[in-house]
Amino acid sequence: METMSLCFDHPVAVKVFFICTSAPHLDPQIKTFRSDENGFLSIPLEGMVSGKWKLMLEWNHDGRDFCMEKTVEVPVEQDKTVQPKKWL
């Protein structure tokens, strides 16, 4: 499964806005994730349409608001039923 991993200095709850820049007709998605107690956050990319996505992350820590933007590319799903080509 494809994921985007981030590490914070503290545990966080993050709101993530998923915007597909390769297919702007798709509605943006909003999901919330929690890091583990060490601040490690893994955002699953499984099930997302292949192409370029802008991820905007928002969280609060010690009464301060933070925002970060990342661009990721979700690869094309490989059909696992296709057999590899045999070279002669």
N, C-alpha and C. Protein backbone atom coordinates (compact mmCIF):
# COMPACT_ATOMS: atom_id res chain seq x y z
N MET A 1 0.84 -1.17 0.00
CA MET A 1 0.00 0.00 0.00
C MET A 1 0.89 1.24 0.00
N GLU A 2 0.58 2.18 -0.86
CA GLU A 2 1.30 3.43 -0.93
C GLU A 2 0.90 4.33 0.24
N THR A 3 1.87 4.96 0.87
CA THR A 3 1.60 5.89 1.96
C THR A 3 2.54 7.07 1.87
N MET A 4 2.16 8.15 2.52
CA MET A 4 3.04 9.29 2.71
C MET A 4 3.31 9.34 4.21
N SER A 5 4.58 9.33 4.60
CA SER A 5 4.94 9.32 6.01
C SER A 5 5.57 10.65 6.42
N LEU A 6 5.17 11.11 7.59
CA LEU A 6 5.71 12.35 8.15
C LEU A 6 6.04 12.10 9.62
N CYS A 7 7.00 12.84 10.14
CA CYS A 7 7.37 12.69 11.54
C CYS A 7 7.34 14.08 12.19
N PHE A 8 6.56 14.20 13.25
CA PHE A 8 6.45 15.44 14.02
C PHE A 8 7.21 15.27 15.33
N ASP A 9 7.50 16.38 16.00
CA ASP A 9 8.21 16.35 17.29
C ASP A 9 7.29 15.95 18.43
N HIS A 10 6.02 15.80 18.15
CA HIS A 10 5.01 15.54 19.18
C HIS A 10 3.81 14.85 18.52
N PRO A 11 2.95 14.22 19.29
CA PRO A 11 1.74 13.63 18.70
C PRO A 11 0.83 14.72 18.14
N VAL A 12 0.18 14.43 17.02
CA VAL A 12 -0.71 15.41 16.38
C VAL A 12 -1.97 14.73 15.84
N ALA A 13 -3.01 15.52 15.70
CA ALA A 13 -4.20 15.16 14.93
C ALA A 13 -4.20 16.14 13.76
N VAL A 14 -4.20 15.60 12.55
CA VAL A 14 -4.04 16.41 11.35
C VAL A 14 -5.27 16.28 10.46
N LYS A 15 -5.76 17.42 9.99
CA LYS A 15 -6.82 17.44 8.98
C LYS A 15 -6.12 17.58 7.63
N VAL A 16 -6.43 16.65 6.70
CA VAL A 16 -5.77 16.65 5.39
C VAL A 16 -6.81 16.89 4.30
N PHE A 17 -6.53 17.88 3.46
CA PHE A 17 -7.35 18.19 2.30
C PHE A 17 -6.66 17.57 1.09
N PHE A 18 -7.34 16.68 0.39
CA PHE A 18 -6.80 16.00 -0.79
C PHE A 18 -7.41 16.67 -2.03
N ILE A 19 -6.56 17.26 -2.88
CA ILE A 19 -7.01 17.93 -4.10
C ILE A 19 -6.26 17.33 -5.28
N CYS A 20 -7.01 16.72 -6.21
CA CYS A 20 -6.38 16.09 -7.37
C CYS A 20 -6.13 17.15 -8.44
N THR A 21 -4.88 17.52 -8.63
CA THR A 21 -4.55 18.54 -9.63
C THR A 21 -4.54 17.95 -11.04
N SER A 22 -4.42 16.62 -11.16
CA SER A 22 -4.46 15.96 -12.47
C SER A 22 -5.88 15.83 -12.99
N ALA A 23 -6.85 15.86 -12.08
CA ALA A 23 -8.26 15.71 -12.47
C ALA A 23 -9.08 16.70 -11.62
N PRO A 24 -9.04 17.99 -11.99
CA PRO A 24 -9.70 19.02 -11.18
C PRO A 24 -11.21 18.87 -11.06
N HIS A 25 -11.82 18.04 -11.90
CA HIS A 25 -13.27 17.82 -11.81
C HIS A 25 -13.64 16.97 -10.59
N LEU A 26 -12.66 16.29 -9.99
CA LEU A 26 -12.93 15.48 -8.80
C LEU A 26 -13.11 16.40 -7.59
N ASP A 27 -14.07 16.06 -6.75
CA ASP A 27 -14.29 16.84 -5.53
C ASP A 27 -13.13 16.62 -4.56
N PRO A 28 -12.69 17.70 -3.90
CA PRO A 28 -11.65 17.54 -2.87
C PRO A 28 -12.19 16.64 -1.74
N GLN A 29 -11.29 15.94 -1.10
CA GLN A 29 -11.63 15.09 0.03
C GLN A 29 -10.96 15.65 1.28
N ILE A 30 -11.63 15.49 2.42
CA ILE A 30 -11.06 15.93 3.70
C ILE A 30 -11.10 14.74 4.65
N LYS A 31 -9.94 14.42 5.23
CA LYS A 31 -9.85 13.32 6.18
C LYS A 31 -9.00 13.75 7.37
N THR A 32 -9.24 13.12 8.51
CA THR A 32 -8.47 13.42 9.71
C THR A 32 -7.67 12.18 10.11
N PHE A 33 -6.41 12.41 10.49
CA PHE A 33 -5.52 11.33 10.90
C PHE A 33 -4.85 11.70 12.21
N ARG A 34 -4.46 10.70 12.98
CA ARG A 34 -3.72 10.90 14.22
C ARG A 34 -2.37 10.20 14.10
N SER A 35 -1.35 10.88 14.58
CA SER A 35 -0.02 10.27 14.62
C SER A 35 0.04 9.29 15.79
N ASP A 36 1.10 8.53 15.85
CA ASP A 36 1.31 7.69 17.03
C ASP A 36 1.87 8.57 18.15
N GLU A 37 2.14 7.99 19.30
CA GLU A 37 2.61 8.78 20.45
C GLU A 37 3.98 9.40 20.25
N ASN A 38 4.73 8.92 19.24
CA ASN A 38 6.05 9.49 18.92
C ASN A 38 5.99 10.57 17.84
N GLY A 39 4.80 10.85 17.31
CA GLY A 39 4.65 11.87 16.27
C GLY A 39 4.75 11.33 14.86
N PHE A 40 4.84 10.00 14.70
CA PHE A 40 4.92 9.41 13.36
C PHE A 40 3.52 9.32 12.76
N LEU A 41 3.37 9.89 11.56
CA LEU A 41 2.07 9.92 10.89
C LEU A 41 2.21 9.26 9.53
N SER A 42 1.31 8.34 9.23
CA SER A 42 1.29 7.66 7.95
C SER A 42 -0.06 7.93 7.30
N ILE A 43 -0.04 8.53 6.11
CA ILE A 43 -1.26 8.86 5.39
C ILE A 43 -1.40 7.89 4.22
N PRO A 44 -2.43 7.02 4.26
CA PRO A 44 -2.60 6.06 3.17
C PRO A 44 -3.04 6.74 1.88
N LEU A 45 -2.45 6.32 0.76
CA LEU A 45 -2.81 6.85 -0.55
C LEU A 45 -3.58 5.82 -1.36
N GLU A 46 -3.82 4.66 -0.78
CA GLU A 46 -4.54 3.58 -1.46
C GLU A 46 -5.95 4.02 -1.83
N GLY A 47 -6.39 3.63 -3.00
CA GLY A 47 -7.74 3.96 -3.45
C GLY A 47 -7.87 5.32 -4.12
N MET A 48 -6.78 6.08 -4.13
CA MET A 48 -6.82 7.39 -4.77
C MET A 48 -6.58 7.24 -6.27
N VAL A 49 -7.19 8.10 -7.05
CA VAL A 49 -7.01 8.11 -8.50
C VAL A 49 -5.55 8.41 -8.82
N SER A 50 -4.99 7.72 -9.79
CA SER A 50 -3.61 7.96 -10.20
C SER A 50 -3.46 9.38 -10.71
N GLY A 51 -2.32 9.99 -10.41
CA GLY A 51 -2.03 11.34 -10.88
C GLY A 51 -1.43 12.18 -9.77
N LYS A 52 -1.36 13.48 -10.01
CA LYS A 52 -0.77 14.41 -9.04
C LYS A 52 -1.85 14.93 -8.10
N TRP A 53 -1.50 14.96 -6.81
CA TRP A 53 -2.40 15.43 -5.77
C TRP A 53 -1.69 16.47 -4.92
N LYS A 54 -2.45 17.48 -4.52
CA LYS A 54 -1.95 18.45 -3.54
C LYS A 54 -2.59 18.07 -2.21
N LEU A 55 -1.77 17.88 -1.19
CA LEU A 55 -2.25 17.57 0.15
C LEU A 55 -1.96 18.78 1.03
N MET A 56 -3.00 19.34 1.61
CA MET A 56 -2.85 20.46 2.54
C MET A 56 -3.15 19.93 3.93
N LEU A 57 -2.18 20.05 4.83
CA LEU A 57 -2.32 19.54 6.19
C LEU A 57 -2.49 20.71 7.15
N GLU A 58 -3.43 20.57 8.08
CA GLU A 58 -3.66 21.58 9.11
C GLU A 58 -3.68 20.89 10.46
N TRP A 59 -3.02 21.50 11.46
CA TRP A 59 -3.05 20.98 12.82
C TRP A 59 -2.79 22.11 13.80
N ASN A 60 -3.02 21.81 15.07
CA ASN A 60 -2.83 22.78 16.13
C ASN A 60 -1.94 22.14 17.19
N HIS A 61 -1.00 22.94 17.72
CA HIS A 61 -0.14 22.46 18.81
C HIS A 61 0.18 23.62 19.73
N ASP A 62 -0.03 23.40 21.01
CA ASP A 62 0.21 24.44 22.02
C ASP A 62 -0.51 25.75 21.69
N GLY A 63 -1.73 25.65 21.19
CA GLY A 63 -2.52 26.83 20.90
C GLY A 63 -2.13 27.56 19.63
N ARG A 64 -1.23 26.99 18.83
CA ARG A 64 -0.80 27.61 17.57
C ARG A 64 -1.28 26.75 16.41
N ASP A 65 -1.75 27.42 15.35
CA ASP A 65 -2.20 26.73 14.13
C ASP A 65 -1.03 26.58 13.16
N PHE A 66 -0.97 25.42 12.52
CA PHE A 66 0.07 25.14 11.54
C PHE A 66 -0.56 24.62 10.26
N CYS A 67 0.13 24.84 9.14
CA CYS A 67 -0.34 24.38 7.83
C CYS A 67 0.88 23.98 7.01
N MET A 68 0.74 22.91 6.25
CA MET A 68 1.81 22.46 5.38
C MET A 68 1.18 21.94 4.09
N GLU A 69 1.84 22.16 2.98
CA GLU A 69 1.34 21.68 1.70
C GLU A 69 2.38 20.75 1.08
N LYS A 70 1.92 19.60 0.60
CA LYS A 70 2.79 18.63 -0.07
C LYS A 70 2.14 18.22 -1.38
N THR A 71 2.96 17.98 -2.39
CA THR A 71 2.47 17.45 -3.65
C THR A 71 2.98 16.02 -3.76
N VAL A 72 2.07 15.10 -4.08
CA VAL A 72 2.44 13.70 -4.23
C VAL A 72 1.91 13.20 -5.57
N GLU A 73 2.55 12.17 -6.07
CA GLU A 73 2.05 11.53 -7.29
C GLU A 73 1.68 10.10 -6.96
N VAL A 74 0.41 9.78 -7.19
CA VAL A 74 -0.10 8.44 -6.93
C VAL A 74 0.13 7.63 -8.20
N PRO A 75 0.87 6.53 -8.08
CA PRO A 75 1.16 5.73 -9.29
C PRO A 75 -0.05 4.99 -9.80
N VAL A 76 0.03 4.58 -11.06
CA VAL A 76 -1.02 3.78 -11.68
C VAL A 76 -1.02 2.41 -11.02
N GLU A 77 -2.22 1.94 -10.66
CA GLU A 77 -2.35 0.60 -10.07
C GLU A 77 -1.92 -0.44 -11.09
N GLN A 78 -1.11 -1.38 -10.65
CA GLN A 78 -0.68 -2.46 -11.52
C GLN A 78 -1.69 -3.60 -11.44
N ASP A 79 -2.06 -4.15 -12.58
CA ASP A 79 -2.96 -5.30 -12.62
C ASP A 79 -2.15 -6.53 -12.26
N LYS A 80 -2.43 -7.09 -11.09
CA LYS A 80 -1.64 -8.21 -10.59
C LYS A 80 -1.92 -9.51 -11.34
N THR A 81 -2.91 -9.53 -12.25
CA THR A 81 -3.21 -10.74 -13.00
C THR A 81 -2.39 -10.83 -14.27
N VAL A 82 -1.75 -9.75 -14.65
CA VAL A 82 -0.94 -9.73 -15.88
C VAL A 82 0.37 -10.44 -15.62
N GLN A 83 0.72 -11.37 -16.49
CA GLN A 83 1.96 -12.10 -16.35
C GLN A 83 3.10 -11.28 -16.96
N PRO A 84 4.30 -11.35 -16.38
CA PRO A 84 5.43 -10.63 -16.95
C PRO A 84 5.77 -11.17 -18.34
N LYS A 85 6.31 -10.29 -19.18
CA LYS A 85 6.69 -10.69 -20.53
C LYS A 85 7.89 -11.63 -20.46
N LYS A 86 7.89 -12.60 -21.34
CA LYS A 86 9.02 -13.52 -21.44
C LYS A 86 9.89 -13.05 -22.60
N TRP A 87 11.16 -12.93 -22.31
CA TRP A 87 12.10 -12.51 -23.35
C TRP A 87 12.71 -13.75 -24.01
N LEU A 88 12.81 -13.70 -25.33
CA LEU A 88 13.37 -14.83 -26.06
C LEU A 88 14.86 -14.70 -26.18
